[in-house]
Protein backbone atom coordinates (compact mmCIF):
# COMPACT_ATOMS: atom_id res chain seq x y z
CA MET A 1 -0.01 -0.01 -0.05
CA LYS A 2 1.25 3.38 -0.90
CA LEU A 3 -0.64 5.45 1.55
CA LEU A 4 1.11 8.74 1.98
CA LEU A 5 0.28 10.46 -1.27
CA PRO A 6 -3.50 9.61 -1.34
CA ILE A 7 -3.93 10.56 2.31
CA LEU A 8 -2.21 13.91 1.81
CA LEU A 9 -4.16 14.65 -1.34
CA PHE A 10 -7.40 13.70 0.41
CA LEU A 11 -6.71 15.90 3.45
CA SER A 12 -5.15 18.98 1.84
CA PRO A 13 -8.45 20.70 0.83
CA LEU A 14 -9.95 19.93 4.22
CA LEU A 15 -7.26 20.98 6.61
CA GLY A 16 -6.29 24.33 5.05
CA ASN A 17 -3.32 25.82 6.97
CA SER A 18 -2.62 22.64 8.93
CA GLN A 19 1.11 23.46 9.26
CA ALA A 20 0.30 26.40 11.48
CA THR A 21 -2.55 24.87 13.54
CA GLY A 22 -1.81 21.19 13.71
CA LEU A 23 0.66 18.37 13.90
CA GLU A 24 1.42 15.30 11.88
CA LEU A 25 0.79 11.71 12.99
CA ARG A 26 3.39 9.36 11.56
CA PHE A 27 3.33 5.63 12.31
CA ASP A 28 3.67 2.22 10.81
CA PHE A 29 0.55 0.22 9.97
CA TYR A 30 1.62 -3.35 9.18
CA GLY A 31 4.23 -2.36 6.57
CA ASP A 32 2.96 1.14 5.52
CA THR A 33 4.12 4.42 6.88
CA ILE A 34 1.09 6.56 7.58
CA GLU A 35 1.40 10.33 7.75
CA ILE A 36 -1.78 12.26 8.69
CA PRO A 37 -1.99 15.94 9.54
CA VAL A 38 -4.21 16.52 12.59
CA ASP A 39 -5.65 19.78 13.73
CA GLN A 40 -4.31 20.97 17.12
CA SER A 41 -7.80 21.39 18.41
CA VAL A 42 -8.15 17.60 18.51
CA ILE A 43 -5.54 17.36 21.23
CA ILE A 44 -7.70 17.45 24.32
CA PRO A 45 -6.29 16.95 27.85
CA TYR A 46 -7.91 14.55 30.30
CA GLU A 47 -6.44 14.70 33.73
CA GLU A 48 -9.64 14.62 35.81
CA ALA A 49 -10.83 11.64 37.81
CA LEU A 50 -12.82 9.13 35.83
CA SER A 51 -16.51 10.03 35.98
CA SER A 52 -19.55 10.52 33.73
CA THR A 53 -19.11 14.27 34.10
CA SER A 54 -15.46 14.31 33.11
CA ILE A 55 -16.12 12.05 30.12
CA GLN A 56 -18.95 14.27 29.02
CA ARG A 57 -16.64 17.28 29.16
CA PHE A 58 -14.02 15.48 27.08
CA ASN A 59 -16.68 14.61 24.52
CA ASP A 60 -18.01 18.15 24.38
CA ARG A 61 -14.54 19.54 23.74
CA MET A 62 -13.86 16.92 21.03
CA GLU A 63 -17.21 17.81 19.38
CA LYS A 64 -16.06 21.45 19.15
CA SER A 65 -12.68 20.42 17.61
CA ASN A 66 -11.89 20.08 13.96
CA TYR A 67 -11.85 16.35 14.06
CA SER A 68 -13.80 15.69 10.80
CA PRO A 69 -10.67 15.62 8.51
CA LEU A 70 -9.09 12.95 10.69
CA ILE A 71 -12.20 10.77 10.60
CA ALA A 72 -12.57 11.30 6.81
CA ALA A 73 -8.94 10.24 6.28
CA LEU A 74 -9.36 7.06 8.40
CA LEU A 75 -12.56 6.11 6.60
CA ASN A 76 -10.99 6.83 3.25
CA PHE A 77 -8.16 4.48 4.11
CA LYS A 78 -10.62 1.85 5.28
CA LYS A 79 -12.51 2.01 2.00
CA GLN A 80 -9.50 2.21 -0.28
CA TYR A 81 -7.75 -0.84 1.25
CA LYS A 82 -10.87 -2.81 2.11
CA LEU A 83 -10.25 -3.00 5.85
CA ASP A 84 -12.66 -5.24 7.75
CA ASP A 85 -13.91 -3.81 10.99
CA TRP A 86 -11.27 -5.65 13.10
CA LEU A 87 -8.41 -4.19 10.99
CA TYR A 88 -10.07 -0.77 11.05
CA TYR A 89 -10.15 -0.95 14.83
CA GLN A 90 -6.38 -1.77 14.80
CA LEU A 91 -5.93 1.44 12.72
CA ILE A 92 -7.95 3.45 15.24
CA ARG A 93 -5.87 1.94 18.13
CA LYS A 94 -2.62 2.98 16.46
CA THR A 95 -3.98 6.46 15.78
CA ALA A 96 -5.16 6.89 19.39
CA GLN A 97 -1.74 5.67 20.54
CA GLN A 98 -0.06 8.50 18.60
CA VAL A 99 -2.38 11.15 20.02
CA SER A 100 -2.45 9.85 23.56
CA PRO A 101 -0.05 7.01 24.46
CA LYS A 102 -1.68 4.17 26.31
CA ALA A 103 1.01 3.96 28.96
CA VAL A 104 0.86 7.63 29.72
CA ASN A 105 -2.92 8.08 30.23
CA TYR A 106 -5.00 4.91 29.69
CA HIS A 107 -8.34 6.64 30.17
CA ARG A 108 -7.55 9.34 27.66
CA TYR A 109 -6.28 6.72 25.15
CA THR A 110 -9.53 4.74 25.54
CA LEU A 111 -11.69 7.82 25.12
CA TYR A 112 -9.94 8.64 21.86
CA LYS A 113 -10.57 5.11 20.61
CA TRP A 114 -14.25 5.35 21.60
CA PHE A 115 -14.60 8.78 19.96
CA LEU A 116 -12.89 7.83 16.69
CA LEU A 117 -14.94 4.62 16.42
CA THR A 118 -18.29 6.30 17.12
CA ARG A 119 -17.50 9.19 14.77
CA SER A 120 -16.66 6.56 12.16
CA GLY A 121 -20.30 5.51 12.46
CA TYR A 122 -20.08 2.53 14.85
CA GLU A 123 -22.44 2.20 17.73
CA ALA A 124 -20.50 1.96 21.00
CA LEU A 125 -20.80 2.76 24.66
CA LEU A 126 -18.70 3.29 27.75
CA SER A 127 -19.01 1.87 31.25
CA ILE A 128 -17.19 2.86 34.36
CA SER A 129 -16.51 1.64 37.92
CA SER A 130 -14.01 3.48 40.16
CA ASP A 131 -10.91 3.77 37.94
CA LYS A 132 -11.90 1.16 35.36
CA LEU A 133 -13.16 2.24 31.94
CA LEU A 134 -14.71 -0.41 29.68
CA PHE A 135 -15.38 0.27 26.03
CA TYR A 136 -18.10 -1.76 24.23
CA VAL A 137 -19.12 -1.93 20.55
CA GLN A 138 -22.45 -3.16 19.24
CA SER A 139 -22.00 -6.53 17.45
CA ASP A 140 -24.37 -9.32 16.43
CA ASP A 141 -21.51 -11.84 16.12
CA ASN A 142 -21.14 -14.82 18.34
CA ILE A 143 -18.31 -14.05 20.75
CA TYR A 144 -17.35 -16.49 23.48
CA ASN A 145 -14.59 -15.43 25.83
CA ILE A 146 -15.11 -11.65 26.57
CA PRO A 147 -17.76 -9.76 28.49
CA TYR A 148 -20.76 -8.25 26.78
CA ARG A 149 -23.76 -6.10 27.71
CA VAL A 150 -27.30 -6.18 26.38
CA LYS A 151 -29.11 -2.93 25.93
CA ASP A 152 -32.42 -2.44 24.21
CA GLY A 153 -32.15 -5.97 22.88
CA LYS A 154 -28.75 -5.33 21.36
CA GLN A 155 -25.44 -7.05 22.22
CA TYR A 156 -22.43 -4.88 23.02
CA VAL A 157 -19.03 -6.65 23.22
CA CYS A 158 -16.15 -5.29 25.26
CA LEU A 159 -13.18 -4.25 23.21
CA ASN A 160 -10.61 -3.55 26.00
CA TYR A 161 -11.32 -6.18 28.66
CA HIS A 162 -7.91 -7.76 28.05
CA ASP A 163 -6.26 -4.56 29.45
CA TYR A 164 -7.67 -5.42 32.90
CA GLY A 165 -6.91 -9.12 33.03
CA THR A 166 -10.01 -10.34 34.88
CA ILE A 167 -12.85 -8.44 36.52
CA ASP A 168 -15.34 -9.93 38.98
CA PHE A 169 -18.50 -8.38 37.64
CA ALA A 170 -20.48 -9.88 40.53
CA ALA A 171 -18.44 -7.85 42.97
CA VAL A 172 -17.74 -4.71 40.93
CA ALA A 173 -20.72 -2.61 39.75
CA PHE A 174 -20.37 -0.70 36.47
CA SER A 175 -22.56 2.14 35.25
CA GLU A 176 -23.01 3.15 31.67
CA VAL A 177 -21.95 6.58 30.49
CA SER A 178 -24.69 7.69 28.17
CA ILE A 179 -23.45 9.94 25.40
CA PRO A 180 -25.53 9.33 22.32
CA PHE A 181 -24.33 10.16 18.85
CA ALA A 182 -27.09 9.99 16.19
CA GLN A 183 -24.80 8.95 13.33
CA ALA A 184 -23.29 5.98 15.24
CA VAL A 185 -25.59 3.24 13.99
CA LYS A 186 -23.33 0.57 12.45
CA GLY A 187 -22.74 -2.80 14.08
CA PHE A 188 -19.16 -4.13 14.33
CA SER A 189 -18.25 -7.38 12.68
CA TYR A 190 -15.36 -9.61 13.76
CA LYS A 191 -15.23 -11.33 10.39
CA VAL A 192 -11.84 -10.93 8.70
CA THR A 193 -11.86 -11.43 4.94
CA HIS A 194 -8.74 -9.52 4.02
CA LEU A 195 -5.28 -9.16 5.51
CA PRO A 196 -2.88 -6.26 4.92
CA ASN A 197 -0.51 -6.40 1.97
CA PHE A 198 2.55 -6.71 4.17
CA ARG A 199 5.94 -5.82 2.66
CA PRO A 200 7.64 -8.94 1.29
CA GLY A 201 10.77 -8.03 3.19
CA ASP A 202 8.91 -8.24 6.52
CA TYR A 203 8.32 -12.00 6.13
CA LEU A 204 10.38 -14.67 7.85
CA GLU A 205 10.89 -18.13 6.48
CA LYS A 206 9.91 -21.27 8.40
CA ASP A 207 10.81 -24.85 7.47
CA LEU A 208 8.06 -27.47 7.63
CA ARG A 209 8.75 -31.13 7.20
CA PHE A 210 6.66 -34.33 7.30
CA ASN A 211 6.69 -37.87 5.92
CA TYR A 212 4.07 -39.25 3.61
CA ASN A 213 4.11 -42.81 2.20
CA GLN A 214 7.79 -43.18 3.18
CA ASN A 215 8.72 -39.95 1.40
CA ASP A 216 10.02 -36.84 3.15
CA TYR A 217 8.40 -33.53 2.14
CA TYR A 218 9.92 -30.17 2.86
CA PHE A 219 8.35 -26.74 2.58
CA ARG A 220 9.86 -23.33 3.29
CA VAL A 221 6.86 -21.10 4.15
CA LYS A 222 6.97 -17.31 4.37
CA LEU A 223 5.31 -15.99 7.50
CA ASN A 224 4.80 -12.56 8.93
CA PRO A 225 5.19 -12.09 12.74
CA ALA A 226 2.70 -9.17 12.49
CA ILE A 227 -0.08 -11.79 12.25
CA LYS A 228 0.46 -12.43 15.96
CA THR A 229 -0.03 -8.75 16.75
CA ILE A 230 -3.14 -8.35 14.64
CA PHE A 231 -4.83 -11.30 16.34
CA ALA A 232 -3.30 -10.87 19.82
CA ASN A 233 -6.60 -9.79 21.37
CA TYR A 234 -8.93 -11.29 18.83
CA PRO A 235 -11.69 -13.09 20.69
CA VAL A 236 -13.02 -16.62 20.25
CA VAL A 237 -15.47 -16.28 17.34
CA ASP A 238 -17.76 -18.84 15.70
CA TYR A 239 -16.26 -21.56 13.52
CA GLU A 240 -17.48 -20.07 10.24
CA SER A 241 -15.75 -16.77 10.95
CA TYR A 242 -12.31 -18.06 11.95
CA PHE A 243 -12.18 -21.03 9.53
CA ASN A 244 -12.50 -18.50 6.67
CA ILE A 245 -9.85 -16.03 7.70
CA PRO A 246 -7.48 -16.10 4.70
CA LEU A 247 -3.75 -16.47 4.46
CA SER A 248 -1.76 -13.30 3.72
CA ARG A 249 -0.50 -12.86 0.25
CA GLU A 250 3.16 -13.96 0.63
CA THR A 251 2.22 -16.90 2.89
CA TYR A 252 -0.33 -18.05 0.33
CA LYS A 253 2.14 -17.74 -2.53
CA SER A 254 4.84 -19.72 -0.67
CA LEU A 255 2.59 -22.62 0.29
CA ILE A 256 -0.57 -23.17 -1.75
CA PRO A 257 1.02 -23.52 -5.24
CA LEU A 258 3.48 -26.01 -3.82
CA LEU A 259 0.73 -28.09 -2.26
CA ARG A 260 -1.23 -27.92 -5.54
CA LYS A 261 1.85 -29.08 -7.46
CA THR A 262 2.48 -31.93 -5.06
CA THR A 263 -1.08 -33.21 -5.13
CA ARG A 264 -1.66 -32.74 -8.89
CA GLY A 265 -0.85 -36.28 -9.78
CA MET A 266 -3.03 -37.74 -6.97
CA ASN A 267 -6.66 -38.55 -7.09
CA THR A 268 -8.94 -36.53 -4.78
CA HIS A 269 -8.98 -39.08 -2.02
CA ASN A 270 -5.16 -39.32 -1.91
CA GLY A 271 -4.74 -35.62 -2.23
CA VAL A 272 -7.03 -34.95 0.79
CA ASP A 273 -5.19 -37.66 2.72
CA TYR A 274 -1.91 -35.90 1.92
CA LEU A 275 -3.31 -32.58 3.26
CA MET A 276 -4.66 -34.31 6.29
CA ARG A 277 -1.31 -35.78 7.19
CA PHE A 278 0.53 -32.61 6.43
CA THR A 279 -1.76 -30.77 8.90
CA ARG A 280 -1.39 -33.63 11.36
CA TYR A 281 2.39 -34.10 11.37
CA ALA A 282 4.08 -30.89 10.29
CA PHE A 283 3.40 -29.25 13.69
CA LEU A 284 3.77 -30.19 17.33
CA PHE A 285 0.60 -30.53 19.46
CA GLU A 286 -0.14 -28.53 22.53
CA THR A 287 -3.37 -27.48 24.26
CA ASP A 288 -4.50 -23.86 24.36
CA SER A 289 -4.23 -23.88 28.23
CA ALA A 290 -0.56 -24.89 28.00
CA SER A 291 0.27 -22.47 25.19
CA PHE A 292 -1.76 -19.41 26.17
CA GLY A 293 -3.33 -20.11 29.51
CA LYS A 294 -6.80 -19.80 28.03
CA GLU A 295 -8.95 -20.81 25.09
CA LYS A 296 -7.65 -19.32 21.86
CA ARG A 297 -8.58 -20.31 18.34
CA LEU A 298 -5.80 -19.82 15.83
CA THR A 299 -6.43 -18.75 12.27
CA PRO A 300 -4.87 -20.95 9.49
CA GLU A 301 -1.91 -18.61 9.21
CA GLN A 302 -1.42 -18.52 12.93
CA THR A 303 -1.30 -22.33 12.98
CA LEU A 304 1.49 -22.12 10.38
CA LEU A 305 3.27 -19.43 12.39
CA TYR A 306 3.15 -21.03 15.86
CA ASP A 307 5.23 -24.11 16.56
CA ARG A 308 2.42 -25.79 18.51
CA SER A 309 -1.33 -25.99 18.06
CA ASP A 310 -4.37 -27.97 19.15
CA CYS A 311 -7.19 -29.75 17.36
CA GLU A 312 -9.33 -26.69 16.66
CA ASP A 313 -6.35 -24.91 15.04
CA ARG A 314 -5.46 -27.86 12.85
CA ALA A 315 -9.09 -28.32 11.86
CA ALA A 316 -9.16 -24.71 10.65
CA LEU A 317 -5.94 -25.17 8.62
CA PHE A 318 -7.00 -28.46 7.12
CA PHE A 319 -10.40 -26.93 6.19
CA TYR A 320 -8.63 -23.98 4.56
CA LEU A 321 -6.30 -26.24 2.54
CA VAL A 322 -9.07 -28.56 1.30
CA LYS A 323 -11.22 -25.56 0.40
CA GLU A 324 -8.40 -23.84 -1.57
CA ILE A 325 -7.13 -26.93 -3.41
CA TYR A 326 -10.26 -29.08 -3.91
CA ASN A 327 -13.19 -26.94 -2.80
CA LEU A 328 -15.15 -29.95 -1.48
CA PRO A 329 -18.21 -29.84 0.81
CA MET A 330 -17.26 -30.17 4.45
CA ILE A 331 -18.71 -30.25 7.94
CA VAL A 332 -17.02 -29.44 11.20
CA LEU A 333 -17.74 -31.75 14.11
CA ALA A 334 -17.44 -30.55 17.75
CA PHE A 335 -17.24 -33.28 20.35
CA PRO A 336 -17.10 -32.38 24.07
CA ASN A 337 -13.30 -32.31 24.01
CA HIS A 338 -12.38 -32.56 20.35
CA VAL A 339 -12.98 -30.87 17.01
CA THR A 340 -12.51 -32.60 13.63
CA VAL A 341 -13.58 -32.27 10.00
CA ALA A 342 -15.48 -34.57 7.62
CA VAL A 343 -15.26 -34.24 3.85
CA LYS A 344 -17.83 -35.20 1.18
CA PHE A 345 -16.22 -37.33 -1.57
CA ASP A 346 -17.91 -38.63 -4.69
CA LYS A 347 -17.72 -42.08 -3.04
CA PRO A 348 -17.91 -42.09 0.76
CA VAL A 349 -14.86 -43.63 2.55
CA GLY A 350 -14.91 -45.56 5.82
CA LYS A 351 -16.81 -44.12 8.77
CA THR A 352 -19.21 -41.50 7.52
CA ILE A 353 -21.46 -38.88 9.01
CA LEU A 354 -24.94 -38.53 7.48
CA TYR A 355 -25.91 -34.92 7.24
CA ALA A 356 -28.73 -33.32 5.15
CA GLY A 357 -28.91 -36.42 2.95
CA ASP A 358 -25.13 -36.58 2.20
CA ARG A 359 -22.44 -38.73 3.63
CA TYR A 360 -19.18 -37.12 4.83
CA SER A 361 -16.01 -39.08 5.57
CA VAL A 362 -14.19 -38.18 8.79
CA CYS A 363 -10.63 -36.74 8.14
CA GLU A 364 -8.69 -36.40 11.40
CA PRO A 365 -6.05 -33.55 11.10
CA THR A 366 -4.71 -33.83 14.68
CA PRO A 367 -2.12 -36.43 15.73
CA GLN A 368 -3.44 -39.33 17.73
CA LYS A 369 -2.01 -42.53 19.25
CA GLN A 370 -3.32 -44.35 16.20
CA ASP A 371 -2.41 -43.39 12.61
CA LEU A 372 -6.00 -42.87 11.46
CA ASN A 373 -6.93 -43.11 7.80
CA ILE A 374 -9.67 -41.20 6.06
CA GLY A 375 -12.99 -42.52 7.32
CA GLN A 376 -11.67 -43.54 10.73
CA LEU A 377 -12.96 -41.83 13.86
CA LEU A 378 -11.17 -41.99 17.19
CA PRO A 379 -12.52 -45.09 18.89
CA GLU A 380 -13.27 -43.22 22.11
CA LEU A 381 -15.56 -40.87 20.17
CA THR A 382 -17.64 -43.56 18.47
CA ASN A 383 -20.50 -43.25 20.92
CA SER A 384 -19.81 -39.67 21.98
CA PRO A 385 -22.34 -36.88 21.20
CA TYR A 386 -21.27 -34.19 18.81
CA GLU A 387 -22.55 -31.02 17.16
CA ILE A 388 -22.11 -29.96 13.56
CA VAL A 389 -20.92 -26.43 14.17
CA TYR A 390 -20.16 -25.41 10.59
CA THR A 391 -21.17 -26.57 7.17
CA TYR A 392 -19.40 -25.61 3.97
CA ARG A 393 -21.05 -26.08 0.62
CA PRO A 394 -19.06 -24.73 -2.39
CA MET A 395 -20.74 -22.22 -4.66
CA ASN A 396 -21.49 -23.55 -8.08
């Protein structure tokens, strides 16, 4: 992305004599240097104790400032580079960090994030208790591991809960700070359909090896450490959302064509078997509790990036690979303590799952004590209940 010129051209007729009355924000956004002139009136102090009154005063002063060019520039960047809401929020976070560093004044930093997001059209609210300031955004997505509030039948998900570690909401009472903004009507979506076009030079190379049919296979995959940053505080979302998060451009180019080339001479069954065993044996296994101390679902690219991953992570990567290379119908099966994938072949193989009139063959992408083939389910799961948590049917 070549951001500097379009941003300056976009802002120049709006800011007028910005050199005399403003400052310039300059920061890196996942490979791009962003330079945005900001009017001095947007720099509002916030040294008061946290309260509804002090927040209202901050909002009133921001309303009187010349903040519109900054919002216009951010939204223009969002549109031009097709940022999903989660990536746009990362841009807002980095912008707020430049105006008011998080470590210097956390409340002020959070208020800037809230103001920039609401003035970008998103419905959000604030909630306070003593010195704690929580920032919620309206979202209809299924989110599983962070607090939410319900107001007027709408769900609001907390965006900054991770900054406080844990909060005992039964013991700590929060009150909402009501500052309505008529134009803030959009819901926030956690779906990520595009990743930034990182600079090729920012990628690292990782060697992946595994054995298939007595042959050793070797891949050198390009991976960007910034993926860890982007998804550091990404919540647990539903399976459809995180199974469909794509690979970044250079990672895709370094892996998918090689897998296509390797599987080209195989029939579909053998090709899917190859992808299943690649996902199973090219990475070490470790539970989320051991790796992160909590439940965390890795995207396909994160699974490639981290050295260890669990069954959900491998299911996501296997799903992505089968979708990209064969685009076959699939279902995702969630057992009480395990997640796996079943694929619909032209001719069902081994143990099948009947769903909506079609038979799907279980493909286990996680290492087990037994070397399971396609159509073989873990024996201990044979009589275990399960839920089909995601169904993929290719578009014709």
